Protein backbone atom coordinates (compact mmCIF):
# COMPACT_ATOMS: atom_id res chain seq x y z
CA UNK A 1 -52.47 134.46 53.01
CA UNK A 2 -53.17 135.63 49.47
CA UNK A 3 -52.80 138.83 47.52
CA UNK A 4 -56.22 140.05 48.60
CA UNK A 5 -55.44 139.75 52.32
CA UNK A 6 -52.06 141.38 51.79
CA UNK A 7 -53.67 144.29 49.94
CA UNK A 8 -56.26 144.58 52.69
CA UNK A 9 -53.55 144.66 55.37
CA UNK A 10 -51.65 147.37 53.52
CA UNK A 11 -54.83 149.43 53.13
CA UNK A 12 -55.68 149.15 56.82
CA UNK A 13 -52.12 150.16 57.76
CA UNK A 14 -52.26 153.22 55.50
CA UNK A 15 -55.65 154.22 56.96
CA UNK A 16 -54.20 153.93 60.46
CA UNK A 17 -51.26 156.11 59.51
CA UNK A 18 -53.53 158.77 57.99
CA UNK A 19 -55.91 158.84 60.95
CA UNK A 20 -53.14 158.99 63.60
CA UNK A 21 -50.43 161.11 61.96
CA UNK A 22 -48.59 162.14 65.14
CA UNK A 23 -48.58 158.62 66.53
CA UNK A 24 -47.51 157.23 63.17
CA UNK A 25 -44.68 159.78 62.90
CA UNK A 26 -43.33 158.88 66.34
CA UNK A 27 -43.63 155.18 65.46
CA UNK A 28 -41.58 155.33 62.30
CA UNK A 29 -39.10 158.00 63.48
CA UNK A 30 -36.64 155.44 64.81
CA UNK A 31 -36.88 153.43 61.60
CA UNK A 32 -36.28 156.58 59.55
CA UNK A 33 -33.19 157.53 61.59
CA UNK A 34 -31.72 154.03 61.46
CA UNK A 35 -32.22 153.54 57.74
CA UNK A 36 -31.13 157.11 56.86
CA UNK A 37 -27.89 156.55 58.78
CA UNK A 38 -27.10 153.33 56.93
CA UNK A 39 -28.14 154.73 53.54
CA UNK A 40 -26.13 157.93 53.90
CA UNK A 41 -23.06 156.02 55.04
CA UNK A 42 -23.39 153.49 52.21
CA UNK A 43 -23.74 156.27 49.61
CA UNK A 44 -20.67 158.19 50.81
CA UNK A 45 -18.51 155.10 51.33
CA UNK A 46 -19.59 153.68 47.97
CA UNK A 47 -18.77 156.95 46.24
CA UNK A 48 -15.39 157.23 47.94
CA UNK A 49 -14.42 153.69 47.04
CA UNK A 50 -15.56 154.15 43.45
CA UNK A 51 -13.48 157.33 43.24
CA UNK A 52 -10.41 155.63 44.68
CA UNK A 53 -10.69 152.70 42.28
CA UNK A 54 -11.07 155.09 39.34
CA UNK A 55 -7.97 156.94 40.54
CA UNK A 56 -6.01 153.68 40.74
CA UNK A 57 -7.03 152.80 37.20
CA UNK A 58 -6.21 156.33 36.05
CA UNK A 59 -2.75 156.43 37.59
CA UNK A 60 -2.03 152.95 36.35
CA UNK A 61 -2.76 149.80 38.34
CA UNK A 62 0.83 148.56 37.84
CA UNK A 63 2.46 151.69 39.23
CA UNK A 64 3.71 151.66 42.81
CA UNK A 65 5.48 153.81 45.40
CA UNK A 66 8.68 153.21 47.38
CA UNK A 67 8.65 154.88 50.80
CA UNK A 68 10.66 154.89 53.99
CA UNK A 69 7.96 152.89 55.81
CA UNK A 70 4.55 151.44 55.09
CA UNK A 71 2.18 154.37 55.36
CA UNK A 72 -0.96 152.37 54.54
CA UNK A 73 -1.04 150.53 57.86
CA UNK A 74 -3.58 152.06 60.23
CA UNK A 75 -1.97 152.57 63.63
CA UNK A 76 -3.42 153.70 66.94
CA UNK A 77 -0.69 154.79 69.35
CA UNK A 78 -0.61 156.34 72.81
CA UNK A 79 2.84 157.75 72.12
CA UNK A 80 4.79 155.10 74.01
CA UNK A 81 5.54 152.96 70.94
CA UNK A 82 8.46 153.53 68.62
CA UNK A 83 7.58 155.50 65.48
CA UNK A 84 7.21 153.20 62.44
CA UNK A 85 10.10 154.93 60.60
CA UNK A 86 12.62 154.44 63.40
CA UNK A 87 15.57 152.36 62.23
CA UNK A 88 14.63 152.82 58.57
CA UNK A 89 16.98 155.08 56.58
CA UNK A 90 15.48 157.72 54.28
CA UNK A 91 15.08 157.08 50.56
CA UNK A 92 17.81 158.83 48.55
CA UNK A 93 18.27 160.27 45.07
CA UNK A 94 21.07 157.76 44.50
CA UNK A 95 18.63 154.90 45.10
CA UNK A 96 16.22 156.50 42.63
CA UNK A 97 18.98 156.41 39.99
CA UNK A 98 19.70 152.73 40.76
CA UNK A 99 16.05 151.77 40.30
CA UNK A 100 15.65 153.83 37.13
CA UNK A 101 18.43 151.73 35.51
CA UNK A 102 16.52 148.46 35.99
CA UNK A 103 15.25 146.86 32.72
CA UNK A 104 11.74 146.37 34.12
CA UNK A 105 11.35 150.02 35.16
CA UNK A 106 10.24 152.73 32.77
CA UNK A 107 10.71 155.71 35.09
CA UNK A 108 11.32 156.63 38.72
CA UNK A 109 10.29 160.08 39.95
CA UNK A 110 11.62 161.28 43.29
CA UNK A 111 8.81 162.93 45.23
CA UNK A 112 8.61 165.15 48.29
CA UNK A 113 5.85 167.46 49.48
CA UNK A 114 5.82 170.84 51.18
CA UNK A 115 3.78 174.04 51.05
CA UNK A 116 4.48 177.74 50.81
CA UNK A 117 2.92 181.13 50.20
CA UNK A 118 2.95 182.24 46.57
CA UNK A 119 3.35 185.92 45.74
CA UNK A 120 2.76 187.61 42.42
CA UNK A 121 2.95 191.37 42.31
CA UNK A 122 1.06 192.72 45.31
CA UNK A 123 -1.04 189.55 45.74
CA UNK A 124 -0.23 186.75 48.19
CA UNK A 125 -1.79 183.28 48.03
CA UNK A 126 -1.29 181.39 51.27
CA UNK A 127 -0.71 177.69 51.94
CA UNK A 128 -0.21 176.54 48.36
CA UNK A 129 0.63 172.84 48.06
CA UNK A 130 4.12 172.46 46.57
CA UNK A 131 4.89 168.90 45.41
CA UNK A 132 8.57 168.41 44.61
CA UNK A 133 8.71 165.99 41.67
CA UNK A 134 11.43 164.64 39.40
CA UNK A 135 11.20 165.45 35.68
CA UNK A 136 9.54 162.05 35.04
CA UNK A 137 6.48 162.89 37.17
CA UNK A 138 4.07 163.17 34.14
CA UNK A 139 4.57 159.41 33.57
CA UNK A 140 2.91 158.79 36.92
CA UNK A 141 0.26 161.52 36.69
CA UNK A 142 -2.69 161.74 34.33
CA UNK A 143 -3.13 164.98 32.43
CA UNK A 144 -1.54 167.30 29.88
CA UNK A 145 0.27 170.63 29.55
CA UNK A 146 -2.00 173.44 28.36
CA UNK A 147 0.83 176.00 28.32
CA UNK A 148 4.58 175.67 28.24
CA UNK A 149 6.48 172.54 29.19
CA UNK A 150 7.72 170.38 32.00
CA UNK A 151 11.06 171.17 33.63
CA UNK A 152 14.11 169.32 32.30
CA UNK A 153 16.46 166.76 33.91
CA UNK A 154 19.06 169.53 34.11
CA UNK A 155 16.66 171.65 36.17
CA UNK A 156 16.63 168.89 38.78
CA UNK A 157 20.42 168.49 38.93
CA UNK A 158 20.99 172.27 39.00
CA UNK A 159 18.20 172.88 41.57
CA UNK A 160 16.71 175.41 39.16
CA UNK A 161 13.96 177.67 40.47
CA UNK A 162 11.33 176.69 37.93
CA UNK A 163 7.70 175.84 38.58
CA UNK A 164 4.74 174.20 36.84
CA UNK A 165 1.35 175.53 37.94
CA UNK A 166 -1.97 173.72 38.00
CA UNK A 167 -4.67 175.17 35.74
CA UNK A 168 -6.73 176.29 38.73
CA UNK A 169 -3.81 178.04 40.44
CA UNK A 170 -2.77 179.68 37.17
CA UNK A 171 -6.29 181.10 36.69
CA UNK A 172 -6.42 182.26 40.29
CA UNK A 173 -3.09 184.11 40.05
CA UNK A 174 -2.97 185.23 36.40
CA UNK A 175 -6.56 184.98 35.19
CA UNK A 176 -6.74 183.94 31.53
CA UNK A 177 -3.24 185.26 30.75
CA UNK A 178 -0.57 182.70 29.74
CA UNK A 179 1.84 182.79 32.72
CA UNK A 180 4.77 181.00 31.04
CA UNK A 181 7.92 183.06 31.47
CA UNK A 182 6.51 185.13 34.33
CA UNK A 183 8.08 185.14 37.79
CA UNK A 184 6.38 184.28 41.09
CA UNK A 185 7.82 184.07 44.59
CA UNK A 186 7.64 180.97 46.77
CA UNK A 187 8.82 181.58 50.33
CA UNK A 188 10.33 184.79 49.07
CA UNK A 189 12.41 183.05 46.38
CA UNK A 190 11.85 183.95 42.69
CA UNK A 191 10.61 181.07 40.51
CA UNK A 192 10.03 181.15 36.75
CA UNK A 193 6.80 179.61 35.48
CA UNK A 194 7.66 177.12 32.71
CA UNK A 195 4.32 175.36 32.29
CA UNK A 196 0.66 174.99 33.20
CA UNK A 197 -0.69 171.47 33.74
CA UNK A 198 -4.27 170.25 33.60
CA UNK A 199 -4.72 167.17 35.76
CA UNK A 200 -7.27 164.62 34.65
CA UNK A 201 -10.29 164.89 36.99
CA UNK A 202 -10.17 162.22 39.68
CA UNK A 203 -11.02 161.62 43.31
CA UNK A 204 -7.88 163.19 44.76
CA UNK A 205 -7.71 166.15 42.37
CA UNK A 206 -11.16 167.22 43.62
CA UNK A 207 -9.59 167.99 47.00
CA UNK A 208 -6.40 169.69 45.77
CA UNK A 209 -6.81 171.80 42.65
CA UNK A 210 -4.31 174.57 43.39
CA UNK A 211 -0.71 173.39 43.44
CA UNK A 212 2.69 174.23 42.02
CA UNK A 213 5.23 171.52 41.13
CA UNK A 214 8.96 172.22 41.45
CA UNK A 215 12.01 169.93 41.15
CA UNK A 216 12.52 167.93 44.39
CA UNK A 217 16.09 169.22 44.80
CA UNK A 218 14.75 172.76 44.57
CA UNK A 219 12.03 172.03 47.14
CA UNK A 220 14.68 170.81 49.58
CA UNK A 221 17.17 173.64 48.98
CA UNK A 222 14.84 176.64 48.80
CA UNK A 223 11.46 175.66 50.26
CA UNK A 224 12.43 173.73 53.40
CA UNK A 225 11.20 170.30 52.29
CA UNK A 226 12.61 167.55 54.53
CA UNK A 227 14.65 165.07 52.50
CA UNK A 228 14.00 162.41 55.18
CA UNK A 229 10.57 161.93 53.64
CA UNK A 230 11.59 161.46 50.03
CA UNK A 231 9.57 158.78 48.20
CA UNK A 232 9.78 157.28 44.72
CA UNK A 233 6.97 157.07 42.16
CA UNK A 234 7.73 153.98 40.07
CA UNK A 235 6.30 153.16 36.64
CA UNK A 236 7.11 149.68 35.24
CA UNK A 237 7.80 149.16 31.54
CA UNK A 238 4.90 148.08 29.33
CA UNK A 239 6.22 144.52 29.10
CA UNK A 240 6.84 144.02 32.83
CA UNK A 241 4.25 142.89 35.33
CA UNK A 242 3.86 144.69 38.63
CA UNK A 243 5.12 141.65 40.56
CA UNK A 244 8.23 141.42 38.42
CA UNK A 245 8.94 145.14 38.78
CA UNK A 246 8.42 145.02 42.55
CA UNK A 247 10.72 142.00 42.88
CA UNK A 248 13.42 143.79 40.87
CA UNK A 249 13.08 147.00 42.90
CA UNK A 250 13.11 145.11 46.19
CA UNK A 251 16.22 143.12 45.23
CA UNK A 252 18.04 146.25 44.00
CA UNK A 253 17.27 148.20 47.17
CA UNK A 254 18.32 145.32 49.42
CA UNK A 255 21.66 145.11 47.60
CA UNK A 256 22.13 148.90 47.71
CA UNK A 257 21.43 148.93 51.46
CA UNK A 258 23.59 145.90 52.22
CA UNK A 259 20.80 143.82 53.75
CA UNK A 260 21.68 140.20 54.45
CA UNK A 261 19.38 137.28 53.59
CA UNK A 262 16.81 136.92 56.36
CA UNK A 263 16.93 140.58 57.34
CA UNK A 264 13.66 142.49 56.98
CA UNK A 265 13.33 145.23 54.40
CA UNK A 266 14.00 148.66 55.87
CA UNK A 267 11.81 150.30 53.23
CA UNK A 268 8.28 149.78 51.93
CA UNK A 269 6.87 149.09 48.48
CA UNK A 270 3.22 150.12 48.25
CA UNK A 271 0.92 148.94 45.45
CA UNK A 272 -1.95 151.13 44.29
CA UNK A 273 -4.39 148.50 45.55
CA UNK A 274 -3.04 149.04 49.08
CA UNK A 275 -4.76 152.44 49.07
CA UNK A 276 -8.13 150.76 48.53
CA UNK A 277 -7.30 148.16 51.20
CA UNK A 278 -6.42 150.91 53.69
CA UNK A 279 -9.67 152.66 52.85
CA UNK A 280 -11.58 149.44 53.50
CA UNK A 281 -9.95 149.08 56.92
CA UNK A 282 -10.76 152.64 57.90
CA UNK A 283 -14.34 152.56 56.68
CA UNK A 284 -14.81 149.18 58.34
CA UNK A 285 -14.50 150.89 61.74
CA UNK A 286 -17.00 153.58 60.75
CA UNK A 287 -19.31 150.91 59.37
CA UNK A 288 -19.41 149.18 62.75
CA UNK A 289 -20.16 152.47 64.50
CA UNK A 290 -22.90 153.34 62.03
CA UNK A 291 -24.33 149.82 62.33
CA UNK A 292 -24.58 150.22 66.10
CA UNK A 293 -26.24 153.63 65.77
CA UNK A 294 -28.68 152.39 63.14
CA UNK A 295 -29.48 149.32 65.25
CA UNK A 296 -30.42 151.61 68.14
CA UNK A 297 -32.68 153.57 65.80
CA UNK A 298 -34.30 150.40 64.52
CA UNK A 299 -34.75 149.12 68.08
CA UNK A 300 -36.49 152.34 69.10
CA UNK A 301 -38.62 152.18 65.97
CA UNK A 302 -39.42 148.53 66.64
CA UNK A 303 -40.62 149.32 70.15
CA UNK A 304 -42.84 151.99 68.64
CA UNK A 305 -44.22 149.41 66.21
CA UNK A 306 -45.10 147.09 69.09
CA UNK A 307 -46.88 149.94 70.86
CA UNK A 308 -48.93 151.09 67.86
CA UNK A 309 -49.83 147.55 66.88
CA UNK A 310 -50.95 146.72 70.42
CA UNK A 311 -53.16 149.81 70.36
CA UNK A 312 -54.47 148.71 66.97
CA UNK A 313 -55.30 145.23 68.34
CA UNK A 314 -57.16 146.78 71.27
CA UNK A 315 -59.12 149.20 69.06
CA UNK A 316 -60.09 146.42 66.64
CA UNK A 317 -60.84 143.64 69.10
CA UNK A 318 -64.52 143.53 68.14
CA UNK A 319 -63.62 143.51 64.42
CA UNK A 320 -61.30 140.54 65.06
CA UNK A 321 -64.13 138.75 66.85
CA UNK A 322 -66.48 139.32 63.90
CA UNK A 323 -63.89 138.04 61.42
CA UNK A 324 -63.28 134.93 63.51
CA UNK A 325 -67.01 134.34 63.84
CA UNK A 326 -67.27 134.47 60.04
CA UNK A 327 -64.59 131.81 59.67
CA UNK A 328 -61.24 133.67 59.65
CA UNK A 329 -58.44 131.45 60.92
CA UNK A 330 -55.69 132.36 63.35
CA UNK A 331 -53.25 132.22 60.48
CA UNK A 332 -55.21 134.79 58.47
CA UNK A 333 -55.49 137.18 61.43
CA UNK A 334 -51.77 136.77 62.16
CA UNK A 335 -50.90 137.46 58.51
CA UNK A 336 -53.11 140.57 58.39
CA UNK A 337 -51.42 142.20 61.38
CA UNK A 338 -47.94 141.23 60.20
CA UNK A 339 -48.66 142.87 56.84
CA UNK A 340 -49.78 146.03 58.66
CA UNK A 341 -46.60 146.03 60.75
CA UNK A 342 -44.38 145.51 57.70
CA UNK A 343 -46.18 148.29 55.86
CA UNK A 344 -45.52 150.76 58.68
CA UNK A 345 -41.82 149.89 58.92
CA UNK A 346 -41.32 149.74 55.15
CA UNK A 347 -42.78 153.25 54.79
CA UNK A 348 -40.36 154.39 57.50
CA UNK A 349 -37.54 152.64 55.66
CA UNK A 350 -38.46 154.30 52.36
CA UNK A 351 -38.48 157.74 53.99
CA UNK A 352 -35.16 157.04 55.70
CA UNK A 353 -33.70 155.77 52.43
CA UNK A 354 -34.75 158.95 50.62
CA UNK A 355 -33.39 161.20 53.37
CA UNK A 356 -30.08 159.33 53.64
CA UNK A 357 -29.47 159.15 49.90
CA UNK A 358 -30.62 162.75 49.38
CA UNK A 359 -28.32 163.98 52.15
CA UNK A 360 -25.34 162.10 50.71
CA UNK A 361 -25.97 163.40 47.18
CA UNK A 362 -26.37 166.95 48.54
CA UNK A 363 -23.04 166.57 50.35
CA UNK A 364 -21.47 165.44 47.07
CA UNK A 365 -22.90 168.49 45.31
CA UNK A 366 -21.49 171.06 47.76
CA UNK A 367 -18.20 169.34 48.71
CA UNK A 368 -15.50 167.34 46.88
CA UNK A 369 -16.77 164.13 48.51
CA UNK A 370 -18.28 161.80 45.91
CA UNK A 371 -21.42 159.82 46.64
CA UNK A 372 -23.34 157.12 44.84
CA UNK A 373 -26.32 155.08 45.99
CA UNK A 374 -25.63 151.37 45.45
CA UNK A 375 -28.59 149.16 44.56
CA UNK A 376 -27.69 146.72 47.33
CA UNK A 377 -28.14 149.51 49.89
CA UNK A 378 -31.64 150.26 48.57
CA UNK A 379 -32.60 146.59 48.76
CA UNK A 380 -31.00 146.23 52.20
CA UNK A 381 -32.79 149.29 53.58
CA UNK A 382 -36.21 148.08 52.49
CA UNK A 383 -35.43 144.51 53.50
CA UNK A 384 -34.25 145.44 57.00
CA UNK A 385 -37.32 147.63 57.45
CA UNK A 386 -39.65 144.78 56.48
CA UNK A 387 -37.80 142.31 58.72
CA UNK A 388 -38.05 144.79 61.61
CA UNK A 389 -41.79 144.95 61.02
CA UNK A 390 -42.04 141.16 61.15
CA UNK A 391 -39.86 140.82 64.24
CA UNK A 392 -41.54 143.51 66.32
CA UNK A 393 -45.02 142.97 64.89
CA UNK A 394 -45.06 139.26 65.70
CA UNK A 395 -46.12 139.66 69.35
CA UNK A 396 -49.15 141.92 68.76
CA UNK A 397 -50.11 139.90 65.66
CA UNK A 398 -49.94 136.67 67.65
CA UNK A 399 -52.00 138.25 70.42
CA UNK A 400 -54.66 139.27 67.91
CA UNK A 401 -54.69 135.80 66.35
CA UNK A 402 -55.23 134.14 69.76
CA UNK A 403 -58.18 136.29 70.83
CA UNK A 404 -61.24 134.28 71.82
CA UNK A 405 -63.99 135.21 69.31
CA UNK A 406 -66.75 135.21 71.97
CA UNK A 407 -64.79 137.52 74.33
CA UNK A 408 -63.77 139.69 71.36
CA UNK A 409 -67.40 140.16 70.28
CA UNK A 410 -68.28 141.36 73.81
CA UNK A 411 -65.58 143.99 73.71
CA UNK A 412 -66.80 147.61 73.56
């Protein structure tokens, strides 16, 4: 079991693959499918998680959101259970003002989402995302104004029909012209453009590049946004920790809502990290499914390995007899055939790894989904392939090692 015998085993395996291309292809097909599935999934999941963590860092790891109920909990319902928001009162603008006055809080931006058609002149742009945000929303976002300004606190209180456009939407509607001061229509209502905002590139902005931000009061009054789903984007002060800010917000909301000691909170405070935790729970389910599918592929490939190795043992029975007659031990014969088996499955694993990673990177190139190939996935793919070769190659290798040299030499 030295380097020479290993090199010999690899060479014999490669010769067998070249001389029996169709048989070799069918043998490694299952390995290729199994490894490609795992590699592609690992690349996409790794890219998504990396993007989410970058977004959390970009937004600010200490920032958090106050919502009517915990939206990060994955729920599977048949419709018979009570909805998770039942018995929980909506968040209000008055509560936002209470939280904004806390010493540990820098800003609180009321937030509500809707969508509407945008019209400019004779052109109509359908299904534009319309986030309703308080004037403090830039504290929570990451980006800068390329034209104009943000709307003012008075615009929120007066429900002014003013709008800030994303760079992409501004270019789509107005081209390279500065749109500040121009009028567009949202749901038939005239809105004045006061600014154009460039959001810092991140995971979520890749999916939604065309949006128009209006004051939340305006979104409710003119655009049909449902105030029952108001949430609060909270930014702690520089000197306050996230835990301290959350404790202060929780205490203030409990007092404002008249909750007694021992009563559960009828609102939810969601940390940025909870988004990553939710993602882990969701992808965990897909990981199990992909693991099952890849295991089936590896099992099929392993059965193919047993078949091709048994054929190889039969075809080389006389050769095995000659080697044993010249002094080769059972251990050396066993090692030779195991090396051949591992070579076949490792080649299949390498092809599957290339296909899976290439497919994931191609998906990232043509869609907003990010993808990155982690080094552990490369090592795991090759390692699993080699282990499959050992596991399924052990029986034919053992059979070859136990051949009687006299009977083997008689074989034609």
